[in-house]
Amino acid sequence: MDFFRRLLPILLLFLSKMLHLSRRNFTFSQLEEQVADATRWPAREVMALLLEQIDIELMEARDTRKWRLGYAKTRSILTLFGGNGIGGASIETPRPARRLFPR
């Protein structure tokens, strides 16, 4: 439920941006550039949410008799969705990463 609650604002902002772009008069190349720019941020956010959800589900499904939670640290996700002109972007996530160690 928390996943969908965090996903909804991202999708609404994306749809708002698309509606805003549809009302403006662009050439095709300008429109293509604007749409590409508008999709980068939602794609990064959705990817971060999905990976975080997978991480949580894997941690909860682990065999607690065999694996223990070792330490937590902040993590960075390197994506192919650029915004910095180099072709990649780093996303800092506020939740701590979890690493499991054998007991």
N, C-alpha and C. Protein backbone atom coordinates (compact mmCIF):
# COMPACT_ATOMS: atom_id res chain seq x y z
N MET A 1 0.82 -1.19 0.00
CA MET A 1 0.00 0.00 0.00
C MET A 1 0.87 1.25 0.00
N ASP A 2 1.93 1.22 0.77
CA ASP A 2 2.84 2.36 0.82
C ASP A 2 3.45 2.62 -0.55
N PHE A 3 3.73 1.54 -1.28
CA PHE A 3 4.30 1.66 -2.62
C PHE A 3 3.38 2.46 -3.53
N PHE A 4 2.09 2.14 -3.54
CA PHE A 4 1.14 2.83 -4.41
C PHE A 4 0.90 4.26 -3.95
N ARG A 5 0.96 4.48 -2.65
CA ARG A 5 0.80 5.83 -2.14
C ARG A 5 1.97 6.72 -2.57
N ARG A 6 3.14 6.16 -2.68
CA ARG A 6 4.31 6.92 -3.13
C ARG A 6 4.36 7.01 -4.66
N LEU A 7 3.74 6.05 -5.35
CA LEU A 7 3.75 6.04 -6.81
C LEU A 7 2.75 7.03 -7.40
N LEU A 8 1.62 7.21 -6.76
CA LEU A 8 0.56 8.06 -7.29
C LEU A 8 0.99 9.50 -7.56
N PRO A 9 1.67 10.20 -6.64
CA PRO A 9 2.09 11.57 -6.95
C PRO A 9 3.04 11.65 -8.14
N ILE A 10 3.89 10.65 -8.29
CA ILE A 10 4.82 10.63 -9.43
C ILE A 10 4.04 10.56 -10.73
N LEU A 11 3.06 9.66 -10.79
CA LEU A 11 2.26 9.52 -12.00
C LEU A 11 1.42 10.75 -12.27
N LEU A 12 0.87 11.36 -11.23
CA LEU A 12 0.06 12.56 -11.43
C LEU A 12 0.89 13.73 -11.93
N LEU A 13 2.09 13.89 -11.41
CA LEU A 13 2.97 14.95 -11.91
C LEU A 13 3.36 14.71 -13.36
N PHE A 14 3.60 13.45 -13.71
CA PHE A 14 3.94 13.12 -15.09
C PHE A 14 2.77 13.43 -16.02
N LEU A 15 1.56 13.03 -15.65
CA LEU A 15 0.39 13.32 -16.47
C LEU A 15 0.14 14.82 -16.59
N SER A 16 0.35 15.54 -15.52
CA SER A 16 0.21 16.99 -15.56
C SER A 16 1.19 17.62 -16.55
N LYS A 17 2.41 17.15 -16.52
CA LYS A 17 3.43 17.66 -17.45
C LYS A 17 3.06 17.32 -18.90
N MET A 18 2.56 16.10 -19.13
CA MET A 18 2.16 15.71 -20.49
C MET A 18 0.99 16.56 -20.99
N LEU A 19 0.01 16.83 -20.12
CA LEU A 19 -1.11 17.69 -20.51
C LEU A 19 -0.63 19.10 -20.81
N HIS A 20 0.29 19.59 -20.01
CA HIS A 20 0.86 20.92 -20.25
C HIS A 20 1.58 20.97 -21.60
N LEU A 21 2.33 19.93 -21.92
CA LEU A 21 3.04 19.88 -23.20
C LEU A 21 2.08 19.76 -24.38
N SER A 22 0.97 19.06 -24.19
CA SER A 22 0.02 18.89 -25.30
C SER A 22 -0.69 20.19 -25.66
N ARG A 23 -0.75 21.11 -24.73
CA ARG A 23 -1.42 22.39 -24.98
C ARG A 23 -0.51 23.43 -25.62
N ARG A 24 0.76 23.16 -25.64
CA ARG A 24 1.72 24.13 -26.20
C ARG A 24 2.03 23.78 -27.64
N ASN A 25 2.51 24.77 -28.36
CA ASN A 25 2.80 24.60 -29.78
C ASN A 25 4.30 24.41 -29.96
N PHE A 26 4.71 23.20 -30.30
CA PHE A 26 6.11 22.86 -30.51
C PHE A 26 6.30 22.29 -31.90
N THR A 27 7.52 22.38 -32.40
CA THR A 27 7.87 21.57 -33.57
C THR A 27 8.04 20.14 -33.08
N PHE A 28 8.11 19.21 -34.01
CA PHE A 28 8.21 17.80 -33.61
C PHE A 28 9.49 17.55 -32.81
N SER A 29 10.60 18.12 -33.25
CA SER A 29 11.86 17.89 -32.53
C SER A 29 11.84 18.51 -31.14
N GLN A 30 11.23 19.69 -31.01
CA GLN A 30 11.11 20.31 -29.69
C GLN A 30 10.20 19.49 -28.78
N LEU A 31 9.10 18.99 -29.35
CA LEU A 31 8.18 18.17 -28.57
C LEU A 31 8.87 16.88 -28.11
N GLU A 32 9.64 16.28 -29.01
CA GLU A 32 10.37 15.06 -28.66
C GLU A 32 11.34 15.32 -27.51
N GLU A 33 12.03 16.44 -27.56
CA GLU A 33 12.98 16.79 -26.49
C GLU A 33 12.26 17.05 -25.17
N GLN A 34 11.14 17.75 -25.23
CA GLN A 34 10.37 18.05 -24.01
C GLN A 34 9.81 16.77 -23.38
N VAL A 35 9.32 15.86 -24.21
CA VAL A 35 8.78 14.60 -23.69
C VAL A 35 9.90 13.77 -23.06
N ALA A 36 11.06 13.74 -23.71
CA ALA A 36 12.20 13.00 -23.15
C ALA A 36 12.61 13.58 -21.80
N ASP A 37 12.64 14.90 -21.70
CA ASP A 37 12.98 15.54 -20.43
C ASP A 37 11.93 15.25 -19.36
N ALA A 38 10.66 15.24 -19.78
CA ALA A 38 9.57 15.02 -18.82
C ALA A 38 9.52 13.58 -18.32
N THR A 39 10.04 12.64 -19.09
CA THR A 39 9.97 11.23 -18.67
C THR A 39 11.16 10.79 -17.83
N ARG A 40 12.23 11.54 -17.83
CA ARG A 40 13.43 11.13 -17.07
C ARG A 40 13.17 11.05 -15.58
N TRP A 41 12.62 12.11 -15.01
CA TRP A 41 12.41 12.14 -13.56
C TRP A 41 11.45 11.04 -13.10
N PRO A 42 10.27 10.90 -13.74
CA PRO A 42 9.38 9.81 -13.29
C PRO A 42 10.01 8.43 -13.45
N ALA A 43 10.77 8.23 -14.51
CA ALA A 43 11.41 6.92 -14.71
C ALA A 43 12.40 6.64 -13.59
N ARG A 44 13.18 7.64 -13.19
CA ARG A 44 14.13 7.45 -12.08
C ARG A 44 13.40 7.15 -10.78
N GLU A 45 12.35 7.90 -10.51
CA GLU A 45 11.62 7.72 -9.26
C GLU A 45 10.93 6.35 -9.20
N VAL A 46 10.31 5.95 -10.31
CA VAL A 46 9.63 4.65 -10.34
C VAL A 46 10.64 3.52 -10.19
N MET A 47 11.78 3.65 -10.87
CA MET A 47 12.82 2.62 -10.75
C MET A 47 13.33 2.52 -9.31
N ALA A 48 13.53 3.65 -8.67
CA ALA A 48 13.98 3.63 -7.27
C ALA A 48 12.93 2.98 -6.37
N LEU A 49 11.65 3.30 -6.60
CA LEU A 49 10.59 2.69 -5.80
C LEU A 49 10.52 1.18 -6.00
N LEU A 50 10.62 0.74 -7.26
CA LEU A 50 10.57 -0.69 -7.54
C LEU A 50 11.73 -1.44 -6.90
N LEU A 51 12.94 -0.89 -7.03
CA LEU A 51 14.10 -1.56 -6.44
C LEU A 51 14.02 -1.58 -4.92
N GLU A 52 13.51 -0.51 -4.35
CA GLU A 52 13.35 -0.47 -2.90
C GLU A 52 12.33 -1.50 -2.43
N GLN A 53 11.24 -1.64 -3.19
CA GLN A 53 10.22 -2.63 -2.83
C GLN A 53 10.76 -4.05 -2.94
N ILE A 54 11.54 -4.31 -3.98
CA ILE A 54 12.17 -5.63 -4.13
C ILE A 54 13.11 -5.90 -2.97
N ASP A 55 13.87 -4.89 -2.57
CA ASP A 55 14.80 -5.03 -1.45
C ASP A 55 14.05 -5.37 -0.16
N ILE A 56 12.95 -4.70 0.08
CA ILE A 56 12.16 -4.95 1.29
C ILE A 56 11.59 -6.36 1.27
N GLU A 57 11.05 -6.77 0.12
CA GLU A 57 10.45 -8.10 0.04
C GLU A 57 11.50 -9.20 0.19
N LEU A 58 12.67 -9.00 -0.38
CA LEU A 58 13.74 -9.99 -0.22
C LEU A 58 14.20 -10.08 1.23
N MET A 59 14.30 -8.93 1.90
CA MET A 59 14.74 -8.94 3.29
C MET A 59 13.71 -9.64 4.18
N GLU A 60 12.43 -9.39 3.91
CA GLU A 60 11.39 -10.01 4.73
C GLU A 60 11.25 -11.51 4.45
N ALA A 61 11.60 -11.95 3.25
CA ALA A 61 11.45 -13.36 2.88
C ALA A 61 12.68 -14.20 3.23
N ARG A 62 13.71 -13.59 3.78
CA ARG A 62 14.94 -14.33 4.06
C ARG A 62 14.73 -15.32 5.20
N ASP A 63 15.57 -16.29 5.26
CA ASP A 63 15.56 -17.26 6.35
C ASP A 63 16.31 -16.63 7.52
N THR A 64 15.58 -16.21 8.55
CA THR A 64 16.20 -15.49 9.66
C THR A 64 17.11 -16.38 10.50
N ARG A 65 16.95 -17.70 10.37
CA ARG A 65 17.85 -18.59 11.10
C ARG A 65 19.22 -18.65 10.43
N LYS A 66 19.25 -18.37 9.11
CA LYS A 66 20.50 -18.47 8.37
C LYS A 66 21.15 -17.11 8.14
N TRP A 67 20.34 -16.06 7.96
CA TRP A 67 20.86 -14.74 7.64
C TRP A 67 20.45 -13.74 8.71
N ARG A 68 21.38 -12.88 9.07
CA ARG A 68 21.07 -11.82 10.03
C ARG A 68 21.34 -10.48 9.35
N LEU A 69 20.71 -9.43 9.86
CA LEU A 69 20.90 -8.09 9.33
C LEU A 69 22.20 -7.54 9.89
N GLY A 70 23.17 -7.26 9.01
CA GLY A 70 24.50 -6.87 9.46
C GLY A 70 24.64 -5.41 9.79
N TYR A 71 24.41 -4.55 8.84
CA TYR A 71 24.53 -3.12 9.07
C TYR A 71 23.67 -2.40 8.03
N ALA A 72 23.47 -1.12 8.25
CA ALA A 72 22.66 -0.33 7.31
C ALA A 72 23.47 0.88 6.88
N LYS A 73 23.34 1.25 5.63
CA LYS A 73 24.00 2.45 5.11
C LYS A 73 23.14 3.03 4.01
N THR A 74 23.35 4.30 3.71
CA THR A 74 22.61 4.89 2.60
C THR A 74 23.20 4.36 1.31
N ARG A 75 22.38 4.32 0.28
CA ARG A 75 22.83 3.75 -0.98
C ARG A 75 22.57 4.72 -2.12
N SER A 76 23.31 4.54 -3.17
CA SER A 76 23.12 5.30 -4.40
C SER A 76 22.78 4.32 -5.50
N ILE A 77 21.85 4.73 -6.35
CA ILE A 77 21.47 3.91 -7.49
C ILE A 77 21.94 4.63 -8.74
N LEU A 78 22.78 3.99 -9.51
CA LEU A 78 23.26 4.57 -10.75
C LEU A 78 22.37 4.08 -11.88
N THR A 79 21.73 5.02 -12.58
CA THR A 79 20.80 4.65 -13.64
C THR A 79 21.30 5.12 -14.99
N LEU A 80 20.70 4.58 -16.03
CA LEU A 80 21.02 5.01 -17.38
C LEU A 80 20.22 6.25 -17.78
N PHE A 81 19.22 6.61 -17.01
CA PHE A 81 18.41 7.77 -17.32
C PHE A 81 19.17 9.01 -16.88
N GLY A 82 19.81 9.67 -17.81
CA GLY A 82 20.67 10.80 -17.49
C GLY A 82 19.90 12.08 -17.29
N GLY A 83 20.57 13.05 -16.90
CA GLY A 83 20.06 14.38 -16.72
C GLY A 83 21.25 15.30 -16.55
N ASN A 84 22.41 14.68 -16.45
CA ASN A 84 23.62 15.45 -16.23
C ASN A 84 24.47 15.54 -17.48
N GLY A 85 23.96 15.08 -18.61
CA GLY A 85 24.69 15.19 -19.86
C GLY A 85 25.72 14.11 -20.08
N ILE A 86 25.97 13.26 -19.09
CA ILE A 86 26.98 12.21 -19.21
C ILE A 86 26.32 10.89 -19.59
N GLY A 87 25.04 10.77 -19.37
CA GLY A 87 24.34 9.53 -19.70
C GLY A 87 23.96 8.74 -18.47
N GLY A 88 24.25 9.23 -17.30
CA GLY A 88 23.89 8.53 -16.08
C GLY A 88 23.52 9.52 -15.00
N ALA A 89 22.81 9.05 -14.02
CA ALA A 89 22.42 9.91 -12.91
C ALA A 89 22.50 9.10 -11.62
N SER A 90 22.88 9.74 -10.55
CA SER A 90 22.95 9.08 -9.26
C SER A 90 21.75 9.51 -8.43
N ILE A 91 21.07 8.56 -7.84
CA ILE A 91 19.89 8.84 -7.03
C ILE A 91 20.22 8.45 -5.59
N GLU A 92 20.14 9.40 -4.69
CA GLU A 92 20.34 9.10 -3.28
C GLU A 92 18.99 8.72 -2.68
N THR A 93 18.92 7.58 -2.05
CA THR A 93 17.68 7.13 -1.44
C THR A 93 17.76 7.34 0.06
N PRO A 94 16.65 7.80 0.67
CA PRO A 94 16.69 8.09 2.10
C PRO A 94 16.66 6.86 2.99
N ARG A 95 16.15 5.75 2.49
CA ARG A 95 16.08 4.55 3.32
C ARG A 95 17.44 3.86 3.35
N PRO A 96 17.78 3.26 4.47
CA PRO A 96 19.08 2.59 4.55
C PRO A 96 19.10 1.28 3.77
N ALA A 97 20.23 0.99 3.20
CA ALA A 97 20.41 -0.31 2.53
C ALA A 97 20.67 -1.36 3.61
N ARG A 98 20.27 -2.57 3.34
CA ARG A 98 20.44 -3.63 4.32
C ARG A 98 21.36 -4.69 3.73
N ARG A 99 22.30 -5.14 4.50
CA ARG A 99 23.18 -6.20 4.04
C ARG A 99 23.04 -7.37 4.99
N LEU A 100 22.90 -8.52 4.42
CA LEU A 100 22.69 -9.72 5.23
C LEU A 100 23.98 -10.52 5.31
N PHE A 101 24.26 -11.03 6.48
CA PHE A 101 25.44 -11.85 6.71
C PHE A 101 25.01 -13.23 7.18
N PRO A 102 25.76 -14.27 6.81
CA PRO A 102 25.44 -15.60 7.34
C PRO A 102 25.66 -15.62 8.84
N ARG A 103 24.87 -16.39 9.52
CA ARG A 103 25.02 -16.49 10.99
C ARG A 103 26.15 -17.42 11.34
